[in-house]
Amino acid sequence: GKGNVMTIYELIQANLPLMRLMHRNGVSGSYVQYLPIYEDYKRLVADGNKVRWVAQHIADKYGYTERYVRLIVKMMEENVR
């Protein structure tokens, strides 16, 4: 048998309220890739670095543009409805 293997259907069903909330807010599961970027950003700003420097530093570190880093930050800080 399959043992304790979960199907995609079962995964969605088990997390339905969360999945609906994410869908309603246009949040893709693939956004998990942005968590380290946002966490680095918040930490470096909290350490007293200038926002412009932080965005550029993170862009260089992760291979994104500064503009894209700012978009990621803006997205992560949007309120959930």
C-alpha atoms as a PDB file:
ATOM      1  CA  GLY A   1       0.000   0.000   0.000  1.00  0.00           C
ATOM      2  CA  LYS A   2       0.838   3.678   0.010  1.00  0.00           C
ATOM      3  CA  GLY A   3       1.369   3.835   3.767  1.00  0.00           C
ATOM      4  CA  ASN A   4       0.906   7.361   5.153  1.00  0.00           C
ATOM      5  CA  VAL A   5       1.117   9.105   1.787  1.00  0.00           C
ATOM      6  CA  MET A   6      -1.218  12.098   1.498  1.00  0.00           C
ATOM      7  CA  THR A   7      -2.843  13.107  -1.763  1.00  0.00           C
ATOM      8  CA  ILE A   8      -2.996  16.724  -2.944  1.00  0.00           C
ATOM      9  CA  TYR A   9      -6.769  16.595  -2.397  1.00  0.00           C
ATOM     10  CA  GLU A  10      -6.255  15.524   1.229  1.00  0.00           C
ATOM     11  CA  LEU A  11      -3.645  18.242   1.749  1.00  0.00           C
ATOM     12  CA  ILE A  12      -6.032  20.925   0.488  1.00  0.00           C
ATOM     13  CA  GLN A  13      -8.974  19.529   2.491  1.00  0.00           C
ATOM     14  CA  ALA A  14      -6.895  19.419   5.687  1.00  0.00           C
ATOM     15  CA  ASN A  15      -5.937  23.082   5.202  1.00  0.00           C
ATOM     16  CA  LEU A  16      -9.098  24.397   3.559  1.00  0.00           C
ATOM     17  CA  PRO A  17      -9.631  27.562   5.650  1.00  0.00           C
ATOM     18  CA  LEU A  18      -5.989  28.583   5.156  1.00  0.00           C
ATOM     19  CA  MET A  19      -6.058  27.692   1.446  1.00  0.00           C
ATOM     20  CA  ARG A  20      -9.241  29.762   0.925  1.00  0.00           C
ATOM     21  CA  LEU A  21      -7.726  32.721   2.795  1.00  0.00           C
ATOM     22  CA  MET A  22      -4.565  32.540   0.694  1.00  0.00           C
ATOM     23  CA  HIS A  23      -6.552  32.251  -2.539  1.00  0.00           C
ATOM     24  CA  ARG A  24      -8.782  35.199  -1.600  1.00  0.00           C
ATOM     25  CA  ASN A  25      -5.644  37.301  -1.044  1.00  0.00           C
ATOM     26  CA  GLY A  26      -3.836  36.165  -4.183  1.00  0.00           C
ATOM     27  CA  VAL A  27      -1.130  34.423  -2.160  1.00  0.00           C
ATOM     28  CA  SER A  28       0.559  31.506  -3.917  1.00  0.00           C
ATOM     29  CA  GLY A  29       2.218  28.695  -2.015  1.00  0.00           C
ATOM     30  CA  SER A  30       5.317  29.449  -4.088  1.00  0.00           C
ATOM     31  CA  TYR A  31       5.739  32.667  -2.077  1.00  0.00           C
ATOM     32  CA  VAL A  32       7.506  30.596   0.603  1.00  0.00           C
ATOM     33  CA  GLN A  33      10.663  31.239  -1.456  1.00  0.00           C
ATOM     34  CA  TYR A  34      10.432  34.919  -0.469  1.00  0.00           C
ATOM     35  CA  LEU A  35      10.430  34.320   3.300  1.00  0.00           C
ATOM     36  CA  PRO A  36      14.255  34.374   3.708  1.00  0.00           C
ATOM     37  CA  ILE A  37      14.438  37.554   1.619  1.00  0.00           C
ATOM     38  CA  TYR A  38      11.823  39.328   3.731  1.00  0.00           C
ATOM     39  CA  GLU A  39      13.349  38.049   6.987  1.00  0.00           C
ATOM     40  CA  ASP A  40      16.796  39.326   5.920  1.00  0.00           C
ATOM     41  CA  TYR A  41      15.240  42.663   4.978  1.00  0.00           C
ATOM     42  CA  LYS A  42      13.446  43.091   8.323  1.00  0.00           C
ATOM     43  CA  ARG A  43      16.554  42.086  10.304  1.00  0.00           C
ATOM     44  CA  LEU A  44      18.901  44.432   8.431  1.00  0.00           C
ATOM     45  CA  VAL A  45      16.482  47.377   8.711  1.00  0.00           C
ATOM     46  CA  ALA A  46      15.937  46.643  12.419  1.00  0.00           C
ATOM     47  CA  ASP A  47      19.739  46.689  12.839  1.00  0.00           C
ATOM     48  CA  GLY A  48      19.658  50.341  11.748  1.00  0.00           C
ATOM     49  CA  ASN A  49      20.717  50.041   8.106  1.00  0.00           C
ATOM     50  CA  LYS A  50      19.209  52.398   5.547  1.00  0.00           C
ATOM     51  CA  VAL A  51      16.320  50.885   3.576  1.00  0.00           C
ATOM     52  CA  ARG A  52      17.972  51.731   0.247  1.00  0.00           C
ATOM     53  CA  TRP A  53      21.210  49.960   1.224  1.00  0.00           C
ATOM     54  CA  VAL A  54      19.298  46.945   2.559  1.00  0.00           C
ATOM     55  CA  ALA A  55      17.276  46.557  -0.646  1.00  0.00           C
ATOM     56  CA  GLN A  56      20.433  46.763  -2.759  1.00  0.00           C
ATOM     57  CA  HIS A  57      22.349  44.351  -0.509  1.00  0.00           C
ATOM     58  CA  ILE A  58      19.546  41.761  -0.645  1.00  0.00           C
ATOM     59  CA  ALA A  59      19.126  42.222  -4.401  1.00  0.00           C
ATOM     60  CA  ASP A  60      22.828  41.448  -4.846  1.00  0.00           C
ATOM     61  CA  LYS A  61      22.711  38.502  -2.435  1.00  0.00           C
ATOM     62  CA  TYR A  62      19.699  36.794  -4.064  1.00  0.00           C
ATOM     63  CA  GLY A  63      20.244  37.890  -7.667  1.00  0.00           C
ATOM     64  CA  TYR A  64      17.148  40.076  -7.922  1.00  0.00           C
ATOM     65  CA  THR A  65      16.746  43.726  -8.826  1.00  0.00           C
ATOM     66  CA  GLU A  66      16.348  46.282  -6.057  1.00  0.00           C
ATOM     67  CA  ARG A  67      12.879  47.036  -7.450  1.00  0.00           C
ATOM     68  CA  TYR A  68      11.890  43.353  -7.175  1.00  0.00           C
ATOM     69  CA  VAL A  69      13.104  43.209  -3.565  1.00  0.00           C
ATOM     70  CA  ARG A  70      10.967  46.265  -2.774  1.00  0.00           C
ATOM     71  CA  LEU A  71       7.963  44.563  -4.435  1.00  0.00           C
ATOM     72  CA  ILE A  72       8.510  41.446  -2.314  1.00  0.00           C
ATOM     73  CA  VAL A  73       8.655  43.572   0.854  1.00  0.00           C
ATOM     74  CA  LYS A  74       5.525  45.517  -0.134  1.00  0.00           C
ATOM     75  CA  MET A  75       3.671  42.273  -0.870  1.00  0.00           C
ATOM     76  CA  MET A  76       4.708  40.667   2.431  1.00  0.00           C
ATOM     77  CA  GLU A  77       3.490  43.722   4.350  1.00  0.00           C
ATOM     78  CA  GLU A  78       0.045  43.849   2.727  1.00  0.00           C
ATOM     79  CA  ASN A  79      -2.857  43.279   5.107  1.00  0.00           C
ATOM     80  CA  VAL A  80      -4.880  40.099   4.699  1.00  0.00           C
ATOM     81  CA  ARG A  81      -8.563  40.629   3.978  1.00  0.00           C
END
